[in-house]
Amino acid sequence: MIYTDVVKDKILMFLQQLFAQEHLYGNSEDESMRNEFRWHLDDNQTKIMIMDTNTENLEAVEKRPALIITRSPIQWQKLAIDQRFRYDWQKDISSYSDLLSSSLRVNCFSRNGLEAEFLATIVFQCVQFFAKDLKQMDEIFDITSVQIGEEAIVLSDSQIELSVVPVIIGVYLNNTWKVSSEGTIVNSFGLTLNYGSKLQDGRSSGKYETDP
């Protein structure tokens, strides 16, 4: 499992599906409460950019609001001794399990501070409202916390001031693996070492060999 990509992809997909709705907030029967930040796969049609940090483009944020996702370090929790929970004596297979903790930061960008706060509030509430659905995804074990950070001012590529309000989502990821003693036993091996020294006339030298 590629932890660095999986958890971001899950939250990214959730936010895109969330903001793709025509009625995201307010009364769905009230035409004045239509979603003004409706996301569309086509960059020319979307009203909001939702992407990860690897595609961050503050020049695009100058024209429309954006949600840009970043991730904090991931670490093992080591909840059990040796992390092993099962051992098959007949097959000599050990089964292990542990939780990994991390957090995601959804950075809500806008040229308007109140708009950035509004977007952060939507993300903050909806992650909590749909936490049970998010936990049903295979890789996400639990949503541990959801927080709204303080507004900050950043400069875009064109030196335009943008407001950014972060939403921090704490997550636990579940991981299991097995280790077996089955395999080929190596009795001996041969080793060749080359080092890159060169003589003045251009000839290479330096080679050591060991016999198996």
C-alpha atoms as a PDB file:
ATOM      1  CA  MET A   1       0.000   0.000   0.000  1.00  0.00           C
ATOM      2  CA  ILE A   2       1.330   3.463  -0.869  1.00  0.00           C
ATOM      3  CA  TYR A   3       0.229   5.360   2.245  1.00  0.00           C
ATOM      4  CA  THR A   4       1.420   8.729   0.981  1.00  0.00           C
ATOM      5  CA  ASP A   5      -1.045   8.613  -1.915  1.00  0.00           C
ATOM      6  CA  VAL A   6      -3.965   6.491  -0.700  1.00  0.00           C
ATOM      7  CA  VAL A   7      -5.215   8.630   2.159  1.00  0.00           C
ATOM      8  CA  LYS A   8      -4.952  11.869   0.167  1.00  0.00           C
ATOM      9  CA  ASP A   9      -6.750  10.301  -2.786  1.00  0.00           C
ATOM     10  CA  LYS A  10      -9.652   9.182  -0.566  1.00  0.00           C
ATOM     11  CA  ILE A  11     -10.198  12.641   0.949  1.00  0.00           C
ATOM     12  CA  LEU A  12      -9.627  14.310  -2.433  1.00  0.00           C
ATOM     13  CA  MET A  13     -12.293  12.127  -4.061  1.00  0.00           C
ATOM     14  CA  PHE A  14     -14.694  12.800  -1.165  1.00  0.00           C
ATOM     15  CA  LEU A  15     -14.309  16.590  -1.487  1.00  0.00           C
ATOM     16  CA  GLN A  16     -14.717  16.502  -5.265  1.00  0.00           C
ATOM     17  CA  GLN A  17     -17.917  14.485  -4.986  1.00  0.00           C
ATOM     18  CA  LEU A  18     -19.121  16.773  -2.199  1.00  0.00           C
ATOM     19  CA  PHE A  19     -18.619  20.027  -4.097  1.00  0.00           C
ATOM     20  CA  ALA A  20     -19.963  18.526  -7.331  1.00  0.00           C
ATOM     21  CA  GLN A  21     -23.478  18.670  -5.854  1.00  0.00           C
ATOM     22  CA  GLU A  22     -25.830  21.344  -7.127  1.00  0.00           C
ATOM     23  CA  HIS A  23     -27.204  21.954  -3.622  1.00  0.00           C
ATOM     24  CA  LEU A  24     -24.449  21.664  -1.047  1.00  0.00           C
ATOM     25  CA  TYR A  25     -25.737  23.939   1.695  1.00  0.00           C
ATOM     26  CA  GLY A  26     -29.033  25.495   2.713  1.00  0.00           C
ATOM     27  CA  ASN A  27     -32.496  24.523   1.485  1.00  0.00           C
ATOM     28  CA  SER A  28     -32.343  22.465  -1.725  1.00  0.00           C
ATOM     29  CA  GLU A  29     -35.688  23.954  -2.823  1.00  0.00           C
ATOM     30  CA  ASP A  30     -34.399  27.512  -2.535  1.00  0.00           C
ATOM     31  CA  GLU A  31     -32.872  28.531  -5.874  1.00  0.00           C
ATOM     32  CA  SER A  32     -30.870  31.278  -4.165  1.00  0.00           C
ATOM     33  CA  MET A  33     -29.010  28.612  -2.162  1.00  0.00           C
ATOM     34  CA  ARG A  34     -27.439  26.861  -5.139  1.00  0.00           C
ATOM     35  CA  ASN A  35     -23.842  25.767  -4.701  1.00  0.00           C
ATOM     36  CA  GLU A  36     -21.709  28.679  -5.929  1.00  0.00           C
ATOM     37  CA  PHE A  37     -18.562  26.568  -5.617  1.00  0.00           C
ATOM     38  CA  ARG A  38     -19.628  23.624  -7.759  1.00  0.00           C
ATOM     39  CA  TRP A  39     -16.700  21.445  -8.777  1.00  0.00           C
ATOM     40  CA  HIS A  40     -16.345  20.087 -12.299  1.00  0.00           C
ATOM     41  CA  LEU A  41     -13.681  17.806 -13.764  1.00  0.00           C
ATOM     42  CA  ASP A  42     -13.176  20.305 -16.594  1.00  0.00           C
ATOM     43  CA  ASP A  43     -10.940  23.136 -15.353  1.00  0.00           C
ATOM     44  CA  ASN A  44     -12.718  25.548 -17.679  1.00  0.00           C
ATOM     45  CA  GLN A  45     -16.116  24.831 -16.101  1.00  0.00           C
ATOM     46  CA  THR A  46     -15.304  24.265 -12.442  1.00  0.00           C
ATOM     47  CA  LYS A  47     -16.027  27.014  -9.927  1.00  0.00           C
ATOM     48  CA  ILE A  48     -13.477  25.709  -7.436  1.00  0.00           C
ATOM     49  CA  MET A  49     -10.125  23.952  -7.785  1.00  0.00           C
ATOM     50  CA  ILE A  50      -9.725  20.790  -5.662  1.00  0.00           C
ATOM     51  CA  MET A  51      -6.271  19.210  -5.919  1.00  0.00           C
ATOM     52  CA  ASP A  52      -3.296  17.954  -3.952  1.00  0.00           C
ATOM     53  CA  THR A  53      -0.154  19.871  -3.210  1.00  0.00           C
ATOM     54  CA  ASN A  54       1.757  18.310  -6.132  1.00  0.00           C
ATOM     55  CA  THR A  55      -0.491  20.190  -8.569  1.00  0.00           C
ATOM     56  CA  GLU A  56      -0.552  23.388  -6.565  1.00  0.00           C
ATOM     57  CA  ASN A  57      -0.803  26.426  -8.806  1.00  0.00           C
ATOM     58  CA  LEU A  58      -1.427  29.681  -6.978  1.00  0.00           C
ATOM     59  CA  GLU A  59      -1.891  31.465 -10.296  1.00  0.00           C
ATOM     60  CA  ALA A  60      -5.097  29.440 -10.808  1.00  0.00           C
ATOM     61  CA  VAL A  61      -6.211  30.318  -7.272  1.00  0.00           C
ATOM     62  CA  GLU A  62      -6.117  33.997  -8.209  1.00  0.00           C
ATOM     63  CA  LYS A  63      -9.109  33.425 -10.516  1.00  0.00           C
ATOM     64  CA  ARG A  64     -11.210  31.043  -8.373  1.00  0.00           C
ATOM     65  CA  PRO A  65     -11.218  29.524  -4.863  1.00  0.00           C
ATOM     66  CA  ALA A  66      -9.297  26.314  -4.225  1.00  0.00           C
ATOM     67  CA  LEU A  67      -8.964  23.422  -1.803  1.00  0.00           C
ATOM     68  CA  ILE A  68      -5.387  22.125  -1.759  1.00  0.00           C
ATOM     69  CA  ILE A  69      -4.611  19.013   0.281  1.00  0.00           C
ATOM     70  CA  THR A  70      -1.333  18.332   2.082  1.00  0.00           C
ATOM     71  CA  ARG A  71      -0.355  15.484   4.406  1.00  0.00           C
ATOM     72  CA  SER A  72       1.624  15.317   7.647  1.00  0.00           C
ATOM     73  CA  PRO A  73       4.112  12.516   8.430  1.00  0.00           C
ATOM     74  CA  ILE A  74       2.742   8.978   8.901  1.00  0.00           C
ATOM     75  CA  GLN A  75       3.930   6.918  11.864  1.00  0.00           C
ATOM     76  CA  TRP A  76       3.367   3.468  13.368  1.00  0.00           C
ATOM     77  CA  GLN A  77       1.421   3.310  16.632  1.00  0.00           C
ATOM     78  CA  LYS A  78       2.941  -0.004  17.849  1.00  0.00           C
ATOM     79  CA  LEU A  79      -0.186  -0.977  19.757  1.00  0.00           C
ATOM     80  CA  ALA A  80       0.972  -4.529  20.533  1.00  0.00           C
ATOM     81  CA  ILE A  81       4.230  -6.246  21.435  1.00  0.00           C
ATOM     82  CA  ASP A  82       6.025  -7.123  18.214  1.00  0.00           C
ATOM     83  CA  GLN A  83       2.764  -6.137  16.425  1.00  0.00           C
ATOM     84  CA  ARG A  84       1.992  -9.858  15.933  1.00  0.00           C
ATOM     85  CA  PHE A  85      -1.555 -11.076  16.583  1.00  0.00           C
ATOM     86  CA  ARG A  86      -1.528 -14.590  15.091  1.00  0.00           C
ATOM     87  CA  TYR A  87       0.948 -17.390  14.457  1.00  0.00           C
ATOM     88  CA  ASP A  88       0.325 -20.489  12.330  1.00  0.00           C
ATOM     89  CA  TRP A  89       2.550 -23.227  13.785  1.00  0.00           C
ATOM     90  CA  GLN A  90       1.894 -25.675  10.963  1.00  0.00           C
ATOM     91  CA  LYS A  91       2.839 -23.281   8.168  1.00  0.00           C
ATOM     92  CA  ASP A  92       5.207 -21.102  10.217  1.00  0.00           C
ATOM     93  CA  ILE A  93       3.420 -17.909   9.197  1.00  0.00           C
ATOM     94  CA  SER A  94       3.192 -14.867  11.470  1.00  0.00           C
ATOM     95  CA  SER A  95       0.376 -12.335  11.006  1.00  0.00           C
ATOM     96  CA  TYR A  96       0.911  -8.753  12.093  1.00  0.00           C
ATOM     97  CA  SER A  97      -1.320  -5.707  12.436  1.00  0.00           C
ATOM     98  CA  ASP A  98      -0.920  -2.102  13.509  1.00  0.00           C
ATOM     99  CA  LEU A  99      -2.421   1.346  13.118  1.00  0.00           C
ATOM    100  CA  LEU A 100      -0.729   4.281  11.457  1.00  0.00           C
ATOM    101  CA  SER A 101      -1.538   7.848  12.405  1.00  0.00           C
ATOM    102  CA  SER A 102      -1.401  10.919  10.217  1.00  0.00           C
ATOM    103  CA  SER A 103      -3.320  14.090   9.477  1.00  0.00           C
ATOM    104  CA  LEU A 104      -4.457  15.830   6.325  1.00  0.00           C
ATOM    105  CA  ARG A 105      -4.614  19.575   5.886  1.00  0.00           C
ATOM    106  CA  VAL A 106      -7.250  20.940   3.514  1.00  0.00           C
ATOM    107  CA  ASN A 107      -6.051  24.466   2.728  1.00  0.00           C
ATOM    108  CA  CYS A 108      -8.996  26.642   1.680  1.00  0.00           C
ATOM    109  CA  PHE A 109      -7.743  29.449  -0.595  1.00  0.00           C
ATOM    110  CA  SER A 110      -9.647  32.534  -1.720  1.00  0.00           C
ATOM    111  CA  ARG A 111      -9.014  36.193  -2.493  1.00  0.00           C
ATOM    112  CA  ASN A 112     -11.716  36.946   0.073  1.00  0.00           C
ATOM    113  CA  GLY A 113     -11.083  36.079   3.711  1.00  0.00           C
ATOM    114  CA  LEU A 114     -14.745  35.468   4.538  1.00  0.00           C
ATOM    115  CA  GLU A 115     -15.090  33.185   1.530  1.00  0.00           C
ATOM    116  CA  ALA A 116     -12.065  31.153   2.666  1.00  0.00           C
ATOM    117  CA  GLU A 117     -13.643  30.857   6.132  1.00  0.00           C
ATOM    118  CA  PHE A 118     -16.939  29.745   4.566  1.00  0.00           C
ATOM    119  CA  LEU A 119     -15.234  27.027   2.518  1.00  0.00           C
ATOM    120  CA  ALA A 120     -13.343  25.835   5.600  1.00  0.00           C
ATOM    121  CA  THR A 121     -16.620  25.629   7.527  1.00  0.00           C
ATOM    122  CA  ILE A 122     -18.194  23.468   4.800  1.00  0.00           C
ATOM    123  CA  VAL A 123     -15.216  21.079   4.824  1.00  0.00           C
ATOM    124  CA  PHE A 124     -15.097  21.055   8.636  1.00  0.00           C
ATOM    125  CA  GLN A 125     -18.768  20.181   8.989  1.00  0.00           C
ATOM    126  CA  CYS A 126     -19.056  17.683   6.142  1.00  0.00           C
ATOM    127  CA  VAL A 127     -16.017  15.640   7.193  1.00  0.00           C
ATOM    128  CA  GLN A 128     -17.622  15.252  10.619  1.00  0.00           C
ATOM    129  CA  PHE A 129     -21.106  14.615   9.183  1.00  0.00           C
ATOM    130  CA  PHE A 130     -19.804  11.899   6.838  1.00  0.00           C
ATOM    131  CA  ALA A 131     -17.084  10.490   9.098  1.00  0.00           C
ATOM    132  CA  LYS A 132     -18.892   7.136   9.241  1.00  0.00           C
ATOM    133  CA  ASP A 133     -18.908   6.906   5.432  1.00  0.00           C
ATOM    134  CA  LEU A 134     -15.228   7.843   5.262  1.00  0.00           C
ATOM    135  CA  LYS A 135     -14.389   5.112   7.789  1.00  0.00           C
ATOM    136  CA  GLN A 136     -16.067   2.550   5.534  1.00  0.00           C
ATOM    137  CA  MET A 137     -13.277   3.078   3.015  1.00  0.00           C
ATOM    138  CA  ASP A 138     -10.835   0.179   3.291  1.00  0.00           C
ATOM    139  CA  GLU A 139      -7.745   2.199   4.175  1.00  0.00           C
ATOM    140  CA  ILE A 140      -9.224   4.681   6.707  1.00  0.00           C
ATOM    141  CA  PHE A 141      -9.708   3.088  10.142  1.00  0.00           C
ATOM    142  CA  ASP A 142     -10.909   6.181  11.999  1.00  0.00           C
ATOM    143  CA  ILE A 143     -11.320   9.958  11.820  1.00  0.00           C
ATOM    144  CA  THR A 144      -9.815  11.067  15.119  1.00  0.00           C
ATOM    145  CA  SER A 145     -10.312  14.837  14.964  1.00  0.00           C
ATOM    146  CA  VAL A 146     -11.376  17.712  12.715  1.00  0.00           C
ATOM    147  CA  GLN A 147     -10.137  21.253  13.388  1.00  0.00           C
ATOM    148  CA  ILE A 148     -10.279  24.649  11.695  1.00  0.00           C
ATOM    149  CA  GLY A 149      -7.039  26.607  11.873  1.00  0.00           C
ATOM    150  CA  GLU A 150      -6.436  30.337  11.825  1.00  0.00           C
ATOM    151  CA  GLU A 151      -6.636  32.405   8.655  1.00  0.00           C
ATOM    152  CA  ALA A 152      -3.334  33.391   7.090  1.00  0.00           C
ATOM    153  CA  ILE A 153      -2.331  35.630   4.193  1.00  0.00           C
ATOM    154  CA  VAL A 154      -0.073  34.286   1.443  1.00  0.00           C
ATOM    155  CA  LEU A 155       1.209  35.776  -1.783  1.00  0.00           C
ATOM    156  CA  SER A 156       0.388  34.163  -5.119  1.00  0.00           C
ATOM    157  CA  ASP A 157       2.815  33.826  -7.999  1.00  0.00           C
ATOM    158  CA  SER A 158       1.725  37.292  -9.151  1.00  0.00           C
ATOM    159  CA  GLN A 159       2.184  38.763  -5.653  1.00  0.00           C
ATOM    160  CA  ILE A 160      -1.579  38.934  -5.072  1.00  0.00           C
ATOM    161  CA  GLU A 161      -2.660  38.453  -1.451  1.00  0.00           C
ATOM    162  CA  LEU A 162      -4.719  35.313  -0.868  1.00  0.00           C
ATOM    163  CA  SER A 163      -6.452  34.182   2.311  1.00  0.00           C
ATOM    164  CA  VAL A 164      -6.008  30.580   3.387  1.00  0.00           C
ATOM    165  CA  VAL A 165      -7.855  28.782   6.185  1.00  0.00           C
ATOM    166  CA  PRO A 166      -6.727  25.207   6.974  1.00  0.00           C
ATOM    167  CA  VAL A 167      -8.916  22.315   8.069  1.00  0.00           C
ATOM    168  CA  ILE A 168      -6.865  19.618   9.828  1.00  0.00           C
ATOM    169  CA  ILE A 169      -8.231  16.063   9.684  1.00  0.00           C
ATOM    170  CA  GLY A 170      -6.657  13.457  11.980  1.00  0.00           C
ATOM    171  CA  VAL A 171      -6.831   9.891  10.640  1.00  0.00           C
ATOM    172  CA  TYR A 172      -5.861   6.360  11.616  1.00  0.00           C
ATOM    173  CA  LEU A 173      -4.965   3.852   8.899  1.00  0.00           C
ATOM    174  CA  ASN A 174      -5.108   0.087   9.399  1.00  0.00           C
ATOM    175  CA  ASN A 175      -2.405  -2.202   8.056  1.00  0.00           C
ATOM    176  CA  THR A 176      -1.928  -5.977   8.252  1.00  0.00           C
ATOM    177  CA  TRP A 177       0.838  -8.161   6.845  1.00  0.00           C
ATOM    178  CA  LYS A 178       2.208 -11.719   7.001  1.00  0.00           C
ATOM    179  CA  VAL A 179       5.737 -13.063   7.253  1.00  0.00           C
ATOM    180  CA  SER A 180       6.589 -16.641   6.225  1.00  0.00           C
ATOM    181  CA  SER A 181       9.793 -18.612   6.624  1.00  0.00           C
ATOM    182  CA  GLU A 182       9.215 -20.328   3.277  1.00  0.00           C
ATOM    183  CA  GLY A 183      11.816 -19.517   0.650  1.00  0.00           C
ATOM    184  CA  THR A 184      15.271 -20.384  -0.625  1.00  0.00           C
ATOM    185  CA  ILE A 185      18.064 -20.672   1.927  1.00  0.00           C
ATOM    186  CA  VAL A 186      21.308 -19.065   0.712  1.00  0.00           C
ATOM    187  CA  ASN A 187      24.383 -21.078   1.669  1.00  0.00           C
ATOM    188  CA  SER A 188      26.954 -18.950  -0.113  1.00  0.00           C
ATOM    189  CA  PHE A 189      27.257 -16.026  -2.498  1.00  0.00           C
ATOM    190  CA  GLY A 190      29.810 -14.328  -4.676  1.00  0.00           C
ATOM    191  CA  LEU A 191      30.666 -10.634  -4.418  1.00  0.00           C
ATOM    192  CA  THR A 192      32.355  -8.298  -6.879  1.00  0.00           C
ATOM    193  CA  LEU A 193      33.220  -4.732  -5.898  1.00  0.00           C
ATOM    194  CA  ASN A 194      34.184  -2.069  -8.426  1.00  0.00           C
ATOM    195  CA  TYR A 195      35.518   1.288  -7.431  1.00  0.00           C
ATOM    196  CA  GLY A 196      35.750   4.182  -9.822  1.00  0.00           C
ATOM    197  CA  SER A 197      39.401   5.232  -9.756  1.00  0.00           C
ATOM    198  CA  LYS A 198      40.955   6.170 -13.098  1.00  0.00           C
ATOM    199  CA  LEU A 199      44.565   6.190 -14.191  1.00  0.00           C
ATOM    200  CA  GLN A 200      45.997   9.292 -15.839  1.00  0.00           C
ATOM    201  CA  ASP A 201      45.964   7.625 -19.261  1.00  0.00           C
ATOM    202  CA  GLY A 202      42.204   7.025 -18.934  1.00  0.00           C
ATOM    203  CA  ARG A 203      42.383   3.312 -18.080  1.00  0.00           C
ATOM    204  CA  SER A 204      40.083   2.185 -15.209  1.00  0.00           C
ATOM    205  CA  SER A 205      41.401   0.189 -12.346  1.00  0.00           C
ATOM    206  CA  GLY A 206      40.166  -1.217  -9.101  1.00  0.00           C
ATOM    207  CA  LYS A 207      38.279  -4.513  -9.009  1.00  0.00           C
ATOM    208  CA  TYR A 208      37.972  -6.940  -6.146  1.00  0.00           C
ATOM    209  CA  GLU A 209      36.448 -10.378  -6.408  1.00  0.00           C
ATOM    210  CA  THR A 210      35.601 -13.014  -3.840  1.00  0.00           C
ATOM    211  CA  ASP A 211      34.860 -16.624  -4.598  1.00  0.00           C
ATOM    212  CA  PRO A 212      31.643 -18.304  -3.335  1.00  0.00           C
END
